Amino acid sequence: TMAVKSQAGDQIRQYLESEPQHGDGWFTRLSTEAEHFVEGFIFSIGLKSPRTWFMLVSTCVAVFLCSPHVLDWSWDTSMSIVAVGTVFPAVFSIQAAYTNRENSLRHLHDMKATMMWLYMYLEEVEGVELAGKCNELMSQLTVDLMRMLRGCSFDGREREKTHVVYDGFRKLMSLASNAKKLEPVQYTGIMLKIEYMLMHFEAVKCIKDTSTPKGLRKFCYFLCMTTPILLAPFFANFCYDGDEVHGSGWGCAPSYFVGVLYVLITSALLTVQGELEDPFDGDGPDDIDWTMWSQSLECVPLHGEDGPEMRKNRQLKEVWHSGVTPREAGFQESDKGK
């Protein structure tokens, strides 16, 4: 035992000593920061959202109409009142959507962990054949779950997409019932694990079917769409310094700048809320990565005492099928015949 602990300690120290230092040059770091800035700017202005462009154009037109040479409307007020009434509901809606996303992730990773445990347990008790069938059923269950959560219909039938997921759970139960080497206690434990997976599926399905409060989202949308136009006289007031008028009389740069900035902030909040509202569709950068699920289940049979060798052989086969030589992929020449 002491020898094993000493060997593990040596491996940890060797790993820590050989851990790569992230010493990227200043140009690389600057390029990364610039890339993040550009992505954040594009996300904020919402180039792909017609709503943002409509709000920008409407606000600029409203400020123009309130300029001294047109309607000459202007008034001054406390911006904090409007900001609090507009931003806070949007923040509350974002918080509710974020909470749903985190809860969905928690239930989904519990389901995935249970699937991996179920395969490993059946492989130890029943053997590779039954465990392989279990892995096939769980892989198909994952595909059906993904299609259901992403809103894809099944053979043109909308409601069938949920039923096929329940079919997958029943197939897993039938597979466990056909196991020959399971003791009654072991069989009960597997059934409890399947029940555990079903409970997490129902929790995720409930989150999918029940969105954040619709009244709050509609209220935020109404405020973010109307307040920039209603605040046009306030924005136009930036062109006045007492009785003196700045600019050309058709509006000044500060009035348009403040109006556009206000639109970008409120539009960004609506965009964030919309991205977090449905974390299952896979359209946004913050959505759930379903590729991780399929890759994890595919690699479940490659774990164990000889796991590194099995994974290496599988990777080598994939390299050969891709048309790249093992040497080009980083393998040693001695691995060629494995």
Protein backbone atom coordinates (compact mmCIF):
# COMPACT_ATOMS: atom_id res chain seq x y z
CA THR A 1 0.00 0.00 0.00
CA MET A 2 2.83 2.37 0.88
CA ALA A 3 4.52 1.58 -2.44
CA VAL A 4 1.32 2.39 -4.35
CA LYS A 5 0.90 5.67 -2.47
CA SER A 6 4.54 6.57 -3.10
CA GLN A 7 4.17 5.81 -6.81
CA ALA A 8 1.00 7.90 -7.02
CA GLY A 9 2.75 10.75 -5.20
CA ASP A 10 5.67 10.60 -7.64
CA GLN A 11 3.27 10.73 -10.59
CA ILE A 12 1.48 13.75 -9.13
CA ARG A 13 4.76 15.59 -8.55
CA GLN A 14 5.97 14.71 -12.04
CA TYR A 15 2.72 15.98 -13.52
CA LEU A 16 2.89 19.24 -11.59
CA GLU A 17 6.50 19.81 -12.58
CA SER A 18 5.78 19.09 -16.24
CA GLU A 19 2.57 21.11 -16.36
CA PRO A 20 2.79 23.49 -19.31
CA GLN A 21 3.03 27.15 -18.50
CA HIS A 22 0.62 29.38 -20.36
CA GLY A 23 3.14 31.95 -21.43
CA ASP A 24 1.57 33.23 -24.62
CA GLY A 25 3.08 36.34 -26.07
CA TRP A 26 1.48 39.72 -25.75
CA PHE A 27 0.44 39.66 -29.41
CA THR A 28 -1.48 36.40 -28.93
CA ARG A 29 -3.22 37.71 -25.83
CA LEU A 30 -4.03 40.97 -27.57
CA SER A 31 -5.48 39.09 -30.54
CA THR A 32 -7.63 37.01 -28.21
CA GLU A 33 -8.92 40.09 -26.41
CA ALA A 34 -9.65 41.79 -29.73
CA GLU A 35 -11.56 38.72 -30.92
CA HIS A 36 -13.65 38.70 -27.73
CA PHE A 37 -14.33 42.42 -28.16
CA VAL A 38 -15.52 42.00 -31.74
CA GLU A 39 -17.72 39.02 -30.81
CA GLY A 40 -19.19 40.97 -27.90
CA PHE A 41 -19.84 43.98 -30.12
CA ILE A 42 -21.56 41.88 -32.77
CA PHE A 43 -23.63 40.14 -30.10
CA SER A 44 -24.60 43.46 -28.51
CA ILE A 45 -25.72 45.20 -31.66
CA GLY A 46 -27.52 42.06 -32.81
CA LEU A 47 -26.57 42.01 -36.47
CA LYS A 48 -28.79 38.96 -37.01
CA SER A 49 -31.77 40.42 -35.18
CA PRO A 50 -34.23 42.56 -37.17
CA ARG A 51 -35.57 43.76 -33.83
CA THR A 52 -32.34 45.59 -33.03
CA TRP A 53 -32.21 47.34 -36.39
CA PHE A 54 -35.87 48.33 -36.12
CA MET A 55 -35.28 49.81 -32.66
CA LEU A 56 -32.17 51.69 -33.82
CA VAL A 57 -33.91 53.20 -36.84
CA SER A 58 -37.07 54.06 -34.86
CA THR A 59 -35.07 55.74 -32.10
CA CYS A 60 -33.01 57.81 -34.52
CA VAL A 61 -36.15 58.88 -36.40
CA ALA A 62 -37.86 59.81 -33.12
CA VAL A 63 -34.84 61.88 -32.02
CA PHE A 64 -34.82 63.59 -35.40
CA LEU A 65 -38.52 64.46 -35.10
CA CYS A 66 -37.89 65.97 -31.67
CA SER A 67 -35.02 68.15 -32.93
CA PRO A 68 -35.32 71.98 -32.79
CA HIS A 69 -35.97 72.37 -36.55
CA VAL A 70 -38.84 69.86 -36.57
CA LEU A 71 -41.11 69.52 -33.51
CA ASP A 72 -38.74 71.06 -30.98
CA TRP A 73 -39.75 68.69 -28.18
CA SER A 74 -37.45 68.19 -25.24
CA TRP A 75 -37.68 67.53 -21.54
CA ASP A 76 -35.35 66.56 -18.76
CA THR A 77 -35.99 63.86 -16.15
CA SER A 78 -34.19 61.37 -13.95
CA MET A 79 -32.89 58.58 -16.17
CA SER A 80 -32.52 56.24 -13.19
CA ILE A 81 -36.30 55.83 -12.91
CA VAL A 82 -36.61 54.69 -16.51
CA ALA A 83 -33.47 52.54 -16.33
CA VAL A 84 -34.62 50.73 -13.20
CA GLY A 85 -38.10 50.12 -14.61
CA THR A 86 -36.69 48.75 -17.87
CA VAL A 87 -33.51 46.93 -16.93
CA PHE A 88 -34.55 45.22 -13.71
CA PRO A 89 -37.45 43.19 -15.20
CA ALA A 90 -35.12 42.06 -18.00
CA VAL A 91 -32.49 41.04 -15.44
CA PHE A 92 -35.07 39.07 -13.45
CA SER A 93 -36.16 37.28 -16.63
CA ILE A 94 -32.53 36.45 -17.48
CA GLN A 95 -31.98 35.09 -13.99
CA ALA A 96 -35.04 32.82 -14.29
CA ALA A 97 -33.88 31.51 -17.69
CA TYR A 98 -30.35 30.94 -16.38
CA THR A 99 -31.69 28.99 -13.40
CA ASN A 100 -33.67 26.74 -15.76
CA ARG A 101 -30.56 26.14 -17.86
CA GLU A 102 -28.44 25.17 -14.84
CA ASN A 103 -31.16 22.85 -13.54
CA SER A 104 -31.41 21.21 -16.96
CA LEU A 105 -27.65 20.63 -17.02
CA ARG A 106 -27.77 19.07 -13.55
CA HIS A 107 -30.55 16.64 -14.48
CA LEU A 108 -28.93 15.75 -17.80
CA HIS A 109 -25.50 15.01 -16.37
CA ASP A 110 -27.15 12.85 -13.67
CA MET A 111 -28.87 10.89 -16.44
CA LYS A 112 -25.60 10.47 -18.35
CA ALA A 113 -23.73 9.34 -15.25
CA THR A 114 -26.45 6.77 -14.54
CA MET A 115 -26.22 5.46 -18.12
CA MET A 116 -22.47 5.00 -17.80
CA TRP A 117 -22.89 3.25 -14.45
CA LEU A 118 -25.56 0.94 -15.89
CA TYR A 119 -23.29 -0.23 -18.71
CA MET A 120 -20.30 -0.79 -16.44
CA TYR A 121 -22.38 -2.69 -13.91
CA LEU A 122 -23.99 -4.96 -16.50
CA GLU A 123 -20.62 -5.64 -18.08
CA GLU A 124 -19.24 -6.78 -14.72
CA VAL A 125 -22.25 -8.93 -13.83
CA GLU A 126 -23.66 -10.17 -17.16
CA GLY A 127 -20.80 -9.78 -19.60
CA VAL A 128 -20.02 -7.78 -22.71
CA GLU A 129 -22.91 -9.04 -24.85
CA LEU A 130 -25.75 -7.82 -22.66
CA ALA A 131 -23.86 -4.64 -21.77
CA GLY A 132 -23.38 -3.96 -25.50
CA LYS A 133 -27.13 -4.27 -26.10
CA CYS A 134 -27.68 -1.92 -23.17
CA ASN A 135 -25.27 0.60 -24.68
CA GLU A 136 -27.10 0.44 -28.01
CA LEU A 137 -30.43 1.09 -26.30
CA MET A 138 -28.98 3.99 -24.31
CA SER A 139 -27.42 5.49 -27.46
CA GLN A 140 -30.78 5.35 -29.23
CA LEU A 141 -32.45 6.76 -26.11
CA THR A 142 -30.01 9.68 -26.22
CA VAL A 143 -30.84 10.34 -29.88
CA ASP A 144 -34.58 10.27 -29.15
CA LEU A 145 -34.09 12.51 -26.11
CA MET A 146 -32.11 15.01 -28.16
CA ARG A 147 -34.75 15.07 -30.90
CA MET A 148 -37.52 15.57 -28.38
CA LEU A 149 -35.77 18.42 -26.54
CA ARG A 150 -34.73 20.14 -29.75
CA GLY A 151 -38.32 20.11 -31.00
CA CYS A 152 -37.85 17.70 -33.92
CA SER A 153 -40.93 15.72 -34.91
CA PHE A 154 -40.88 11.93 -35.31
CA ASP A 155 -42.16 10.69 -38.66
CA GLY A 156 -44.14 13.89 -39.00
CA ARG A 157 -45.97 13.31 -35.71
CA GLU A 158 -45.35 15.95 -33.07
CA ARG A 159 -46.47 14.00 -30.00
CA GLU A 160 -44.65 10.83 -31.04
CA LYS A 161 -41.26 12.37 -30.22
CA THR A 162 -42.02 12.06 -26.49
CA HIS A 163 -43.49 8.58 -26.72
CA VAL A 164 -40.34 7.13 -28.31
CA VAL A 165 -38.34 8.27 -25.27
CA TYR A 166 -40.68 6.36 -22.98
CA ASP A 167 -40.30 3.40 -25.33
CA GLY A 168 -36.56 3.57 -24.73
CA PHE A 169 -37.01 3.36 -20.98
CA ARG A 170 -39.32 0.36 -21.35
CA LYS A 171 -36.74 -1.37 -23.54
CA LEU A 172 -34.09 -0.84 -20.87
CA MET A 173 -36.40 -2.39 -18.27
CA SER A 174 -37.09 -5.36 -20.53
CA LEU A 175 -33.36 -5.84 -21.09
CA ALA A 176 -32.74 -5.93 -17.35
CA SER A 177 -35.58 -8.42 -16.94
CA ASN A 178 -33.90 -10.78 -19.42
CA ALA A 179 -30.62 -10.79 -17.51
CA LYS A 180 -29.84 -14.29 -16.23
CA LYS A 181 -27.11 -13.69 -13.66
CA LEU A 182 -28.72 -10.89 -11.70
CA GLU A 183 -29.72 -11.53 -8.13
CA PRO A 184 -33.05 -10.09 -6.97
CA VAL A 185 -31.24 -7.35 -5.07
CA GLN A 186 -29.16 -6.47 -8.12
CA TYR A 187 -32.22 -6.46 -10.35
CA THR A 188 -33.99 -4.11 -7.94
CA GLY A 189 -30.97 -1.81 -7.91
CA ILE A 190 -30.93 -1.59 -11.71
CA MET A 191 -34.66 -0.84 -11.78
CA LEU A 192 -34.12 1.93 -9.25
CA LYS A 193 -31.40 3.38 -11.47
CA ILE A 194 -33.75 3.35 -14.48
CA GLU A 195 -36.42 4.99 -12.32
CA TYR A 196 -33.80 7.58 -11.33
CA MET A 197 -33.12 8.31 -15.01
CA LEU A 198 -36.84 8.58 -15.73
CA MET A 199 -37.29 11.10 -12.90
CA HIS A 200 -34.52 13.28 -14.30
CA PHE A 201 -36.04 13.04 -17.77
CA GLU A 202 -39.38 14.23 -16.44
CA ALA A 203 -37.67 17.14 -14.70
CA VAL A 204 -35.94 18.17 -17.94
CA LYS A 205 -39.16 17.74 -19.90
CA CYS A 206 -40.98 19.96 -17.39
CA ILE A 207 -38.34 22.66 -17.82
CA LYS A 208 -38.63 22.33 -21.60
CA ASP A 209 -42.43 22.60 -21.57
CA THR A 210 -42.60 25.36 -18.94
CA SER A 211 -40.71 28.48 -19.97
CA THR A 212 -39.91 31.47 -17.81
CA PRO A 213 -42.94 33.62 -16.85
CA LYS A 214 -44.51 34.76 -20.09
CA GLY A 215 -46.03 37.86 -18.54
CA LEU A 216 -42.62 39.06 -17.38
CA ARG A 217 -41.06 38.38 -20.78
CA LYS A 218 -43.86 40.23 -22.60
CA PHE A 219 -43.56 43.15 -20.19
CA CYS A 220 -39.78 43.34 -20.80
CA TYR A 221 -40.29 43.16 -24.55
CA PHE A 222 -42.88 45.94 -24.46
CA LEU A 223 -40.66 48.22 -22.37
CA CYS A 224 -37.53 47.61 -24.43
CA MET A 225 -39.42 48.30 -27.67
CA THR A 226 -41.28 51.44 -26.58
CA THR A 227 -39.08 53.28 -24.08
CA PRO A 228 -36.37 54.28 -26.64
CA ILE A 229 -39.05 56.02 -28.72
CA LEU A 230 -40.81 57.57 -25.72
CA LEU A 231 -37.48 58.86 -24.44
CA ALA A 232 -36.70 60.65 -27.70
CA PRO A 233 -37.48 64.12 -26.19
CA PHE A 234 -35.11 63.28 -23.33
CA PHE A 235 -32.37 62.34 -25.79
CA ALA A 236 -33.04 65.52 -27.79
CA ASN A 237 -32.56 67.56 -24.62
CA PHE A 238 -28.82 66.89 -24.85
CA CYS A 239 -28.75 69.40 -27.72
CA TYR A 240 -29.79 72.23 -25.38
CA ASP A 241 -27.63 74.24 -23.02
CA GLY A 242 -30.15 76.58 -21.52
CA ASP A 243 -31.55 78.56 -24.44
CA GLU A 244 -28.57 77.75 -26.64
CA VAL A 245 -28.94 74.98 -29.20
CA HIS A 246 -25.96 72.81 -30.08
CA GLY A 247 -25.55 71.16 -33.41
CA SER A 248 -27.23 71.88 -36.70
CA GLY A 249 -30.76 72.00 -35.32
CA TRP A 250 -31.56 68.56 -36.75
CA GLY A 251 -30.27 66.81 -33.68
CA CYS A 252 -26.78 66.62 -32.24
CA ALA A 253 -24.27 63.82 -31.82
CA PRO A 254 -24.83 63.36 -28.04
CA SER A 255 -28.59 62.89 -28.49
CA TYR A 256 -28.19 60.22 -31.16
CA PHE A 257 -25.32 58.58 -29.27
CA VAL A 258 -27.27 58.24 -26.01
CA GLY A 259 -30.32 56.93 -27.86
CA VAL A 260 -28.32 54.32 -29.77
CA LEU A 261 -26.47 53.28 -26.60
CA TYR A 262 -29.73 52.81 -24.73
CA VAL A 263 -31.11 50.66 -27.57
CA LEU A 264 -27.99 48.48 -27.66
CA ILE A 265 -28.15 47.84 -23.91
CA THR A 266 -31.83 46.91 -23.85
CA SER A 267 -31.53 44.85 -27.05
CA ALA A 268 -28.54 42.95 -25.64
CA LEU A 269 -30.57 42.08 -22.55
CA LEU A 270 -33.40 40.76 -24.70
CA THR A 271 -30.90 38.76 -26.78
CA VAL A 272 -29.33 37.19 -23.70
CA GLN A 273 -32.74 36.25 -22.34
CA GLY A 274 -33.73 34.73 -25.69
CA GLU A 275 -30.51 32.69 -25.91
CA LEU A 276 -30.98 31.27 -22.41
CA GLU A 277 -34.70 30.60 -22.81
CA ASP A 278 -34.24 27.35 -24.76
CA PRO A 279 -30.87 25.72 -23.94
CA PHE A 280 -31.79 22.55 -25.84
CA ASP A 281 -32.09 23.74 -29.45
CA GLY A 282 -28.33 23.91 -30.06
CA ASP A 283 -28.54 27.21 -31.96
CA GLY A 284 -26.71 29.43 -29.47
CA PRO A 285 -23.20 29.35 -27.99
CA ASP A 286 -24.58 28.75 -24.49
CA ASP A 287 -26.80 25.83 -25.45
CA ILE A 288 -26.23 22.26 -24.30
CA ASP A 289 -23.56 20.45 -26.32
CA TRP A 290 -25.19 17.19 -27.39
CA THR A 291 -21.97 15.98 -29.01
CA MET A 292 -20.58 15.36 -25.54
CA TRP A 293 -23.38 12.88 -24.86
CA SER A 294 -22.80 10.77 -27.93
CA GLN A 295 -19.04 10.75 -27.49
CA SER A 296 -19.31 9.69 -23.85
CA LEU A 297 -21.63 6.77 -24.59
CA GLU A 298 -19.52 5.66 -27.53
CA CYS A 299 -16.43 5.50 -25.32
CA VAL A 300 -18.08 3.67 -22.40
CA PRO A 301 -16.94 0.21 -23.65
CA LEU A 302 -13.37 1.53 -23.85
CA HIS A 303 -12.96 2.02 -20.10
CA GLY A 304 -11.37 -0.48 -17.74
CA GLU A 305 -8.03 -1.99 -16.83
CA ASP A 306 -6.97 -2.16 -20.48
CA GLY A 307 -8.80 1.09 -21.34
CA PRO A 308 -5.74 3.05 -22.53
CA GLU A 309 -4.79 0.27 -24.94
CA MET A 310 -8.34 -0.09 -26.30
CA ARG A 311 -8.71 3.64 -26.82
CA LYS A 312 -5.30 3.77 -28.49
CA ASN A 313 -6.20 0.94 -30.87
CA ARG A 314 -9.51 2.58 -31.72
CA GLN A 315 -7.83 5.90 -32.37
CA LEU A 316 -5.25 4.15 -34.56
CA LYS A 317 -8.02 2.51 -36.60
CA GLU A 318 -9.73 5.86 -37.07
CA VAL A 319 -6.44 7.31 -38.28
CA TRP A 320 -5.98 4.51 -40.83
CA HIS A 321 -9.55 4.95 -42.13
CA SER A 322 -9.03 8.71 -42.49
CA GLY A 323 -6.14 8.15 -44.90
CA VAL A 324 -3.48 9.69 -42.64
CA THR A 325 -0.41 7.69 -41.71
CA PRO A 326 0.12 6.90 -38.02
CA ARG A 327 3.43 8.77 -38.04
CA GLU A 328 1.66 11.92 -39.27
CA ALA A 329 -0.94 11.49 -36.52
CA GLY A 330 1.73 11.19 -33.81
CA PHE A 331 1.79 7.40 -33.32
CA GLN A 332 4.95 5.41 -33.02
CA GLU A 333 5.90 2.96 -35.78
CA SER A 334 5.67 0.10 -33.26
CA ASP A 335 1.92 0.68 -32.92
CA LYS A 336 1.32 -0.05 -36.57
CA GLY A 337 0.36 -3.68 -36.23
CA LYS A 338 -1.87 -3.35 -33.22
